Amino acid sequence: GSANKMVEDISKRIRELRKSMRLTQSQFAELVNLSEDSIGKIERGISAPTVDTLTKIAEGLNMPLSELLGEISKKEKKQNQILECFARYLKTKSYKDIKLIHELAVKILERK
């Protein structure tokens, strides 16, 4: 029924988010503070994530639960437009430049 469709959609969304971040299931599991086994089962749609699990994933990804579930606010739409513009710009650069920009961004944003 529709509950199965929802679980399927959430599973797909989590897998797509992880892949878009270029993380293995193991790396993703560590980031969101869950076991690799849990992530695997969620992604395959074998187990339906609880609200608690979804909250953990959203917190680990530093995004509101609503965004994880696919609802997008105006602020998020604007953010996505900026990201898409930036992604288009980056596509005009070499792989080496993109890698460098990524490394610099991480260093800047992760500074303590």
Protein backbone atom coordinates (compact mmCIF):
# COMPACT_ATOMS: atom_id res chain seq x y z
CA GLY A 1 0.00 0.00 0.00
CA SER A 2 0.96 3.66 0.43
CA ALA A 3 3.03 2.90 3.57
CA ASN A 4 5.28 0.64 1.48
CA LYS A 5 5.60 3.36 -1.17
CA MET A 6 6.65 5.83 1.53
CA VAL A 7 9.33 3.47 2.90
CA GLU A 8 10.52 2.88 -0.67
CA ASP A 9 10.73 6.65 -1.34
CA ILE A 10 12.62 7.32 1.90
CA SER A 11 15.02 4.41 1.22
CA LYS A 12 15.69 5.75 -2.26
CA ARG A 13 16.14 9.30 -0.98
CA ILE A 14 18.67 8.24 1.68
CA ARG A 15 20.63 6.16 -0.86
CA GLU A 16 20.65 9.07 -3.34
CA LEU A 17 21.79 11.54 -0.66
CA ARG A 18 24.61 9.21 0.40
CA LYS A 19 25.72 8.65 -3.20
CA SER A 20 25.55 12.36 -4.00
CA MET A 21 27.97 12.90 -1.11
CA ARG A 22 30.19 10.17 -2.56
CA LEU A 23 30.20 8.25 0.72
CA THR A 24 30.30 4.49 1.23
CA GLN A 25 27.58 3.00 3.42
CA SER A 26 30.25 2.65 6.11
CA GLN A 27 31.30 6.33 5.94
CA PHE A 28 27.67 7.44 5.84
CA ALA A 29 26.79 5.23 8.83
CA GLU A 30 29.61 6.83 10.82
CA LEU A 31 28.50 10.33 9.84
CA VAL A 32 24.90 9.76 10.95
CA ASN A 33 25.85 7.67 14.00
CA LEU A 34 24.18 4.41 12.91
CA SER A 35 25.51 0.96 12.08
CA GLU A 36 26.50 0.11 8.52
CA ASP A 37 24.06 -2.81 8.74
CA SER A 38 21.19 -0.40 9.56
CA ILE A 39 22.03 1.87 6.63
CA GLY A 40 22.18 -1.14 4.29
CA LYS A 41 18.79 -2.41 5.44
CA ILE A 42 17.22 1.06 5.18
CA GLU A 43 18.64 1.63 1.68
CA ARG A 44 17.40 -1.76 0.47
CA GLY A 45 13.99 -1.09 2.00
CA ILE A 46 14.32 -4.17 4.22
CA SER A 47 13.65 -2.19 7.38
CA ALA A 48 11.56 0.95 7.69
CA PRO A 49 13.50 3.67 9.54
CA THR A 50 11.90 4.89 12.76
CA VAL A 51 11.35 8.60 13.36
CA ASP A 52 14.30 8.42 15.76
CA THR A 53 16.52 6.94 13.03
CA LEU A 54 15.36 9.52 10.47
CA THR A 55 16.07 12.29 13.00
CA LYS A 56 19.60 10.90 13.54
CA ILE A 57 20.20 10.83 9.79
CA ALA A 58 18.90 14.39 9.34
CA GLU A 59 21.05 15.64 12.24
CA GLY A 60 24.11 13.83 10.88
CA LEU A 61 23.56 15.48 7.50
CA ASN A 62 22.87 18.81 9.19
CA MET A 63 19.51 19.18 7.46
CA PRO A 64 15.98 19.57 8.74
CA LEU A 65 13.95 16.35 8.89
CA SER A 66 11.48 17.91 6.43
CA GLU A 67 14.26 18.21 3.82
CA LEU A 68 15.34 14.60 4.39
CA LEU A 69 11.74 13.59 3.77
CA GLY A 70 11.70 15.66 0.59
CA GLU A 71 9.64 18.69 1.59
CA ILE A 72 11.42 21.84 0.49
CA SER A 73 10.96 25.30 1.98
CA LYS A 74 11.53 28.61 0.17
CA LYS A 75 14.89 29.05 1.91
CA GLU A 76 15.96 25.58 0.83
CA LYS A 77 14.79 26.24 -2.75
CA LYS A 78 16.97 29.37 -2.84
CA GLN A 79 19.88 27.40 -1.40
CA ASN A 80 19.39 24.71 -4.05
CA GLN A 81 19.36 27.34 -6.82
CA ILE A 82 22.66 28.74 -5.55
CA LEU A 83 24.13 25.24 -5.33
CA GLU A 84 22.98 24.47 -8.87
CA CYS A 85 24.58 27.68 -10.17
CA PHE A 86 27.80 26.83 -8.33
CA ALA A 87 27.72 23.27 -9.67
CA ARG A 88 27.28 24.59 -13.25
CA TYR A 89 30.25 26.91 -12.71
CA LEU A 90 32.38 24.08 -11.31
CA LYS A 91 31.58 21.91 -14.33
CA THR A 92 33.53 24.42 -16.43
CA LYS A 93 36.68 23.72 -14.37
CA SER A 94 39.17 20.87 -14.43
CA TYR A 95 38.94 17.87 -12.11
CA LYS A 96 42.07 19.08 -10.27
CA ASP A 97 40.55 22.54 -9.71
CA ILE A 98 37.27 21.07 -8.46
CA LYS A 99 39.10 18.76 -6.06
CA LEU A 100 41.15 21.69 -4.73
CA ILE A 101 38.05 23.87 -4.28
CA HIS A 102 36.34 21.02 -2.42
CA GLU A 103 39.34 20.48 -0.12
CA LEU A 104 39.58 24.23 0.59
CA ALA A 105 35.85 24.49 1.29
CA VAL A 106 36.05 21.61 3.78
CA LYS A 107 39.09 23.19 5.48
CA ILE A 108 37.38 26.58 5.71
CA LEU A 109 34.05 25.21 6.97
CA GLU A 110 35.53 22.67 9.40
CA ARG A 111 37.97 25.07 11.09
CA LYS A 112 37.66 25.17 14.85
